[in-house]
């Protein structure tokens, strides 16, 4: 369907089962080192109340645009609790 609002329900227990039942990743190649992969394409720096924070960028795209973390990152415990109304 084009346009409109979509509502999805999910179960954290089912998601956990799905993640833990997936086959294990293959073992690394002999002689492979963690330093063999450059993580910089997936690391972003965010401004925060306590100074810059390095984080892994969110995966995926929406409408051809990469997802981004909201900025600036607020301090731990400083946000007021809020719930969306349905």
N, C-alpha and C. Protein backbone atom coordinates (compact mmCIF):
# COMPACT_ATOMS: atom_id res chain seq x y z
N UNK A 1 0.84 -1.19 0.00
CA UNK A 1 0.00 0.00 0.00
C UNK A 1 0.88 1.24 0.00
N UNK A 2 0.54 2.18 -0.80
CA UNK A 2 1.31 3.42 -0.87
C UNK A 2 0.77 4.41 0.15
N UNK A 3 1.69 5.02 0.89
CA UNK A 3 1.29 6.03 1.85
C UNK A 3 0.59 5.44 3.05
N UNK A 4 0.04 6.29 3.88
CA UNK A 4 -0.68 5.83 5.04
C UNK A 4 0.22 5.50 6.20
N UNK A 5 -0.39 5.06 7.27
CA UNK A 5 0.34 4.70 8.49
C UNK A 5 0.28 3.21 8.67
N UNK A 6 1.39 2.63 9.04
CA UNK A 6 1.44 1.20 9.31
C UNK A 6 1.74 1.00 10.78
N UNK A 7 1.04 0.08 11.39
CA UNK A 7 1.24 -0.23 12.80
C UNK A 7 1.68 -1.68 12.90
N UNK A 8 2.77 -1.93 13.62
CA UNK A 8 3.29 -3.28 13.79
C UNK A 8 3.41 -3.58 15.27
N UNK A 9 3.12 -4.79 15.63
CA UNK A 9 3.32 -5.27 16.99
C UNK A 9 4.40 -6.32 16.95
N UNK A 10 5.23 -6.36 17.96
CA UNK A 10 6.26 -7.38 18.01
C UNK A 10 6.44 -7.84 19.44
N UNK A 11 6.98 -9.01 19.55
CA UNK A 11 7.22 -9.61 20.85
C UNK A 11 8.71 -9.65 21.09
N UNK A 12 9.16 -9.08 22.20
CA UNK A 12 10.59 -9.12 22.50
C UNK A 12 11.04 -10.55 22.73
N UNK A 13 10.17 -11.38 23.32
CA UNK A 13 10.53 -12.79 23.53
C UNK A 13 10.72 -13.49 22.20
N UNK A 14 9.84 -13.24 21.25
CA UNK A 14 9.96 -13.87 19.92
C UNK A 14 11.19 -13.34 19.21
N UNK A 15 11.47 -12.06 19.33
CA UNK A 15 12.67 -11.49 18.72
C UNK A 15 13.92 -12.12 19.31
N UNK A 16 13.95 -12.29 20.63
CA UNK A 16 15.10 -12.93 21.29
C UNK A 16 15.26 -14.36 20.79
N UNK A 17 14.15 -15.10 20.68
CA UNK A 17 14.23 -16.47 20.17
C UNK A 17 14.80 -16.48 18.76
N UNK A 18 14.32 -15.56 17.92
CA UNK A 18 14.78 -15.49 16.54
C UNK A 18 16.28 -15.21 16.48
N UNK A 19 16.75 -14.28 17.31
CA UNK A 19 18.17 -13.95 17.31
C UNK A 19 19.04 -15.09 17.83
N UNK A 20 18.58 -15.74 18.90
CA UNK A 20 19.40 -16.80 19.51
C UNK A 20 19.30 -18.13 18.77
N UNK A 21 18.29 -18.30 17.92
CA UNK A 21 18.17 -19.56 17.18
C UNK A 21 18.87 -19.49 15.83
N UNK A 22 19.35 -18.33 15.46
CA UNK A 22 20.06 -18.19 14.18
C UNK A 22 21.35 -19.00 14.22
N UNK A 23 21.78 -19.53 13.08
CA UNK A 23 23.03 -20.27 13.08
C UNK A 23 24.21 -19.39 13.50
N UNK A 24 25.17 -20.00 14.13
CA UNK A 24 26.36 -19.25 14.58
C UNK A 24 27.15 -18.77 13.36
N UNK A 25 27.82 -17.66 13.53
CA UNK A 25 28.67 -17.13 12.47
C UNK A 25 29.83 -18.08 12.24
N UNK A 26 30.30 -18.15 11.01
CA UNK A 26 31.44 -19.04 10.76
C UNK A 26 32.67 -18.55 11.50
N UNK A 27 33.55 -19.46 11.86
CA UNK A 27 34.77 -19.03 12.57
C UNK A 27 35.61 -18.14 11.67
N UNK A 28 36.40 -17.24 12.28
CA UNK A 28 37.25 -16.36 11.47
C UNK A 28 38.30 -17.17 10.72
N UNK A 29 38.75 -16.61 9.62
CA UNK A 29 39.79 -17.27 8.83
C UNK A 29 41.05 -17.41 9.66
N UNK A 30 41.81 -18.47 9.44
CA UNK A 30 43.08 -18.63 10.18
C UNK A 30 43.97 -17.41 9.99
N UNK A 31 44.49 -16.89 11.07
CA UNK A 31 45.39 -15.74 11.03
C UNK A 31 44.66 -14.40 10.99
N UNK A 32 43.34 -14.40 10.96
CA UNK A 32 42.60 -13.13 10.92
C UNK A 32 42.69 -12.45 12.27
N UNK A 33 42.82 -11.15 12.26
CA UNK A 33 42.93 -10.35 13.47
C UNK A 33 41.79 -9.35 13.50
N UNK A 34 41.39 -8.95 14.69
CA UNK A 34 40.33 -7.96 14.83
C UNK A 34 40.71 -6.66 14.13
N UNK A 35 41.97 -6.34 14.09
CA UNK A 35 42.44 -5.11 13.46
C UNK A 35 42.38 -5.13 11.95
N UNK A 36 41.98 -6.28 11.36
CA UNK A 36 41.91 -6.38 9.91
C UNK A 36 40.71 -5.65 9.32
N UNK A 37 39.78 -5.22 10.15
CA UNK A 37 38.58 -4.53 9.68
C UNK A 37 38.62 -3.08 10.18
N UNK A 38 38.38 -2.15 9.27
CA UNK A 38 38.34 -0.74 9.63
C UNK A 38 36.90 -0.37 10.02
N UNK A 39 36.64 -0.07 11.31
CA UNK A 39 35.27 0.22 11.75
C UNK A 39 34.81 1.64 11.42
N UNK A 40 35.69 2.51 10.93
CA UNK A 40 35.34 3.92 10.77
C UNK A 40 34.10 4.18 9.90
N UNK A 41 33.78 3.36 8.89
CA UNK A 41 32.55 3.65 8.14
C UNK A 41 31.27 3.51 8.98
N UNK A 42 31.33 2.81 10.09
CA UNK A 42 30.14 2.56 10.90
C UNK A 42 30.13 3.34 12.21
N UNK A 43 31.16 4.13 12.47
CA UNK A 43 31.24 4.88 13.73
C UNK A 43 30.92 6.35 13.46
N UNK A 44 30.05 6.91 14.29
CA UNK A 44 29.70 8.33 14.18
C UNK A 44 30.00 9.00 15.51
N UNK A 45 30.31 10.28 15.47
CA UNK A 45 30.54 11.04 16.70
C UNK A 45 29.33 11.94 16.93
N UNK A 46 28.79 11.87 18.14
CA UNK A 46 27.61 12.66 18.49
C UNK A 46 27.95 13.64 19.60
N UNK A 47 27.35 14.82 19.53
CA UNK A 47 27.51 15.78 20.62
C UNK A 47 26.63 15.33 21.77
N UNK A 48 27.12 15.47 22.99
CA UNK A 48 26.31 15.12 24.16
C UNK A 48 26.53 16.14 25.26
N UNK A 49 25.70 16.06 26.29
CA UNK A 49 25.82 16.97 27.42
C UNK A 49 27.16 16.82 28.13
N UNK A 50 27.78 15.64 28.00
CA UNK A 50 29.06 15.37 28.66
C UNK A 50 30.24 15.38 27.70
N UNK A 51 30.06 15.88 26.49
CA UNK A 51 31.13 15.91 25.50
C UNK A 51 30.86 14.92 24.38
N UNK A 52 31.76 14.84 23.39
CA UNK A 52 31.55 13.96 22.24
C UNK A 52 31.43 12.49 22.65
N UNK A 53 30.56 11.77 21.94
CA UNK A 53 30.34 10.35 22.18
C UNK A 53 30.49 9.63 20.85
N UNK A 54 31.26 8.54 20.84
CA UNK A 54 31.37 7.69 19.65
C UNK A 54 30.32 6.61 19.74
N UNK A 55 29.58 6.40 18.65
CA UNK A 55 28.52 5.39 18.63
C UNK A 55 28.51 4.71 17.27
N UNK A 56 27.94 3.53 17.22
CA UNK A 56 27.75 2.83 15.95
C UNK A 56 26.54 3.45 15.26
N UNK A 57 26.70 3.77 14.00
CA UNK A 57 25.60 4.38 13.24
C UNK A 57 24.45 3.38 13.10
N UNK A 58 23.21 3.87 13.12
CA UNK A 58 22.08 2.95 12.94
C UNK A 58 22.12 2.35 11.53
N UNK A 59 21.77 1.08 11.40
CA UNK A 59 21.81 0.44 10.08
C UNK A 59 20.59 0.81 9.24
N UNK A 60 20.74 0.73 7.95
CA UNK A 60 19.61 0.87 7.04
C UNK A 60 19.39 2.26 6.50
N UNK A 61 18.39 2.34 5.65
CA UNK A 61 18.00 3.59 5.01
C UNK A 61 16.48 3.65 4.94
N UNK A 62 15.96 4.85 4.88
CA UNK A 62 14.54 5.07 4.66
C UNK A 62 14.43 6.06 3.51
N UNK A 63 13.77 5.64 2.46
CA UNK A 63 13.63 6.52 1.30
C UNK A 63 14.97 6.88 0.70
N UNK A 64 15.95 5.99 0.77
CA UNK A 64 17.27 6.25 0.21
C UNK A 64 18.17 7.10 1.09
N UNK A 65 17.69 7.50 2.26
CA UNK A 65 18.50 8.32 3.17
C UNK A 65 18.94 7.49 4.36
N UNK A 66 20.20 7.61 4.72
CA UNK A 66 20.74 6.87 5.86
C UNK A 66 20.07 7.33 7.15
N UNK A 67 19.87 6.39 8.06
CA UNK A 67 19.30 6.73 9.36
C UNK A 67 20.35 7.45 10.20
N UNK A 68 19.90 8.31 11.12
CA UNK A 68 20.82 9.04 11.99
C UNK A 68 20.29 9.02 13.41
N UNK A 69 21.19 9.11 14.36
CA UNK A 69 20.80 9.24 15.76
C UNK A 69 20.33 10.66 15.99
N UNK A 70 19.34 10.86 16.87
CA UNK A 70 18.93 12.24 17.19
C UNK A 70 20.07 12.97 17.89
N UNK A 71 20.20 14.24 17.62
CA UNK A 71 21.28 15.00 18.25
C UNK A 71 20.68 16.26 18.86
N UNK A 72 21.23 16.80 19.88
CA UNK A 72 22.34 16.24 20.65
C UNK A 72 21.84 15.17 21.62
N UNK A 73 22.76 14.31 22.02
CA UNK A 73 22.45 13.27 22.99
C UNK A 73 22.31 13.94 24.36
N UNK A 74 21.25 13.64 25.06
CA UNK A 74 21.03 14.25 26.37
C UNK A 74 21.78 13.48 27.44
N UNK A 75 21.96 14.10 28.60
CA UNK A 75 22.66 13.45 29.70
C UNK A 75 21.84 12.31 30.30
N UNK A 76 22.51 11.32 30.82
CA UNK A 76 21.85 10.16 31.42
C UNK A 76 20.90 10.63 32.53
N UNK A 77 19.66 10.18 32.46
CA UNK A 77 18.68 10.52 33.49
C UNK A 77 18.09 11.92 33.38
N UNK A 78 18.41 12.67 32.34
CA UNK A 78 17.93 14.05 32.27
C UNK A 78 16.62 14.19 31.48
N UNK A 79 16.21 13.17 30.75
CA UNK A 79 14.96 13.26 29.99
C UNK A 79 13.77 12.92 30.87
N UNK A 80 12.69 13.64 30.69
CA UNK A 80 11.46 13.33 31.42
C UNK A 80 10.81 12.12 30.77
N UNK A 81 10.20 11.25 31.57
CA UNK A 81 9.51 10.10 30.99
C UNK A 81 8.29 10.55 30.20
N UNK A 82 8.06 9.92 29.08
CA UNK A 82 6.87 10.22 28.28
C UNK A 82 6.48 8.99 27.49
N UNK A 83 5.20 8.87 27.26
CA UNK A 83 4.65 7.74 26.56
C UNK A 83 3.82 8.28 25.40
N UNK A 84 3.88 7.59 24.29
CA UNK A 84 3.06 8.02 23.16
C UNK A 84 1.62 7.60 23.39
N UNK A 85 0.70 8.43 22.96
CA UNK A 85 -0.71 8.13 23.11
C UNK A 85 -1.19 7.43 21.85
N UNK A 86 -2.02 6.42 22.04
CA UNK A 86 -2.53 5.71 20.86
C UNK A 86 -3.95 6.09 20.62
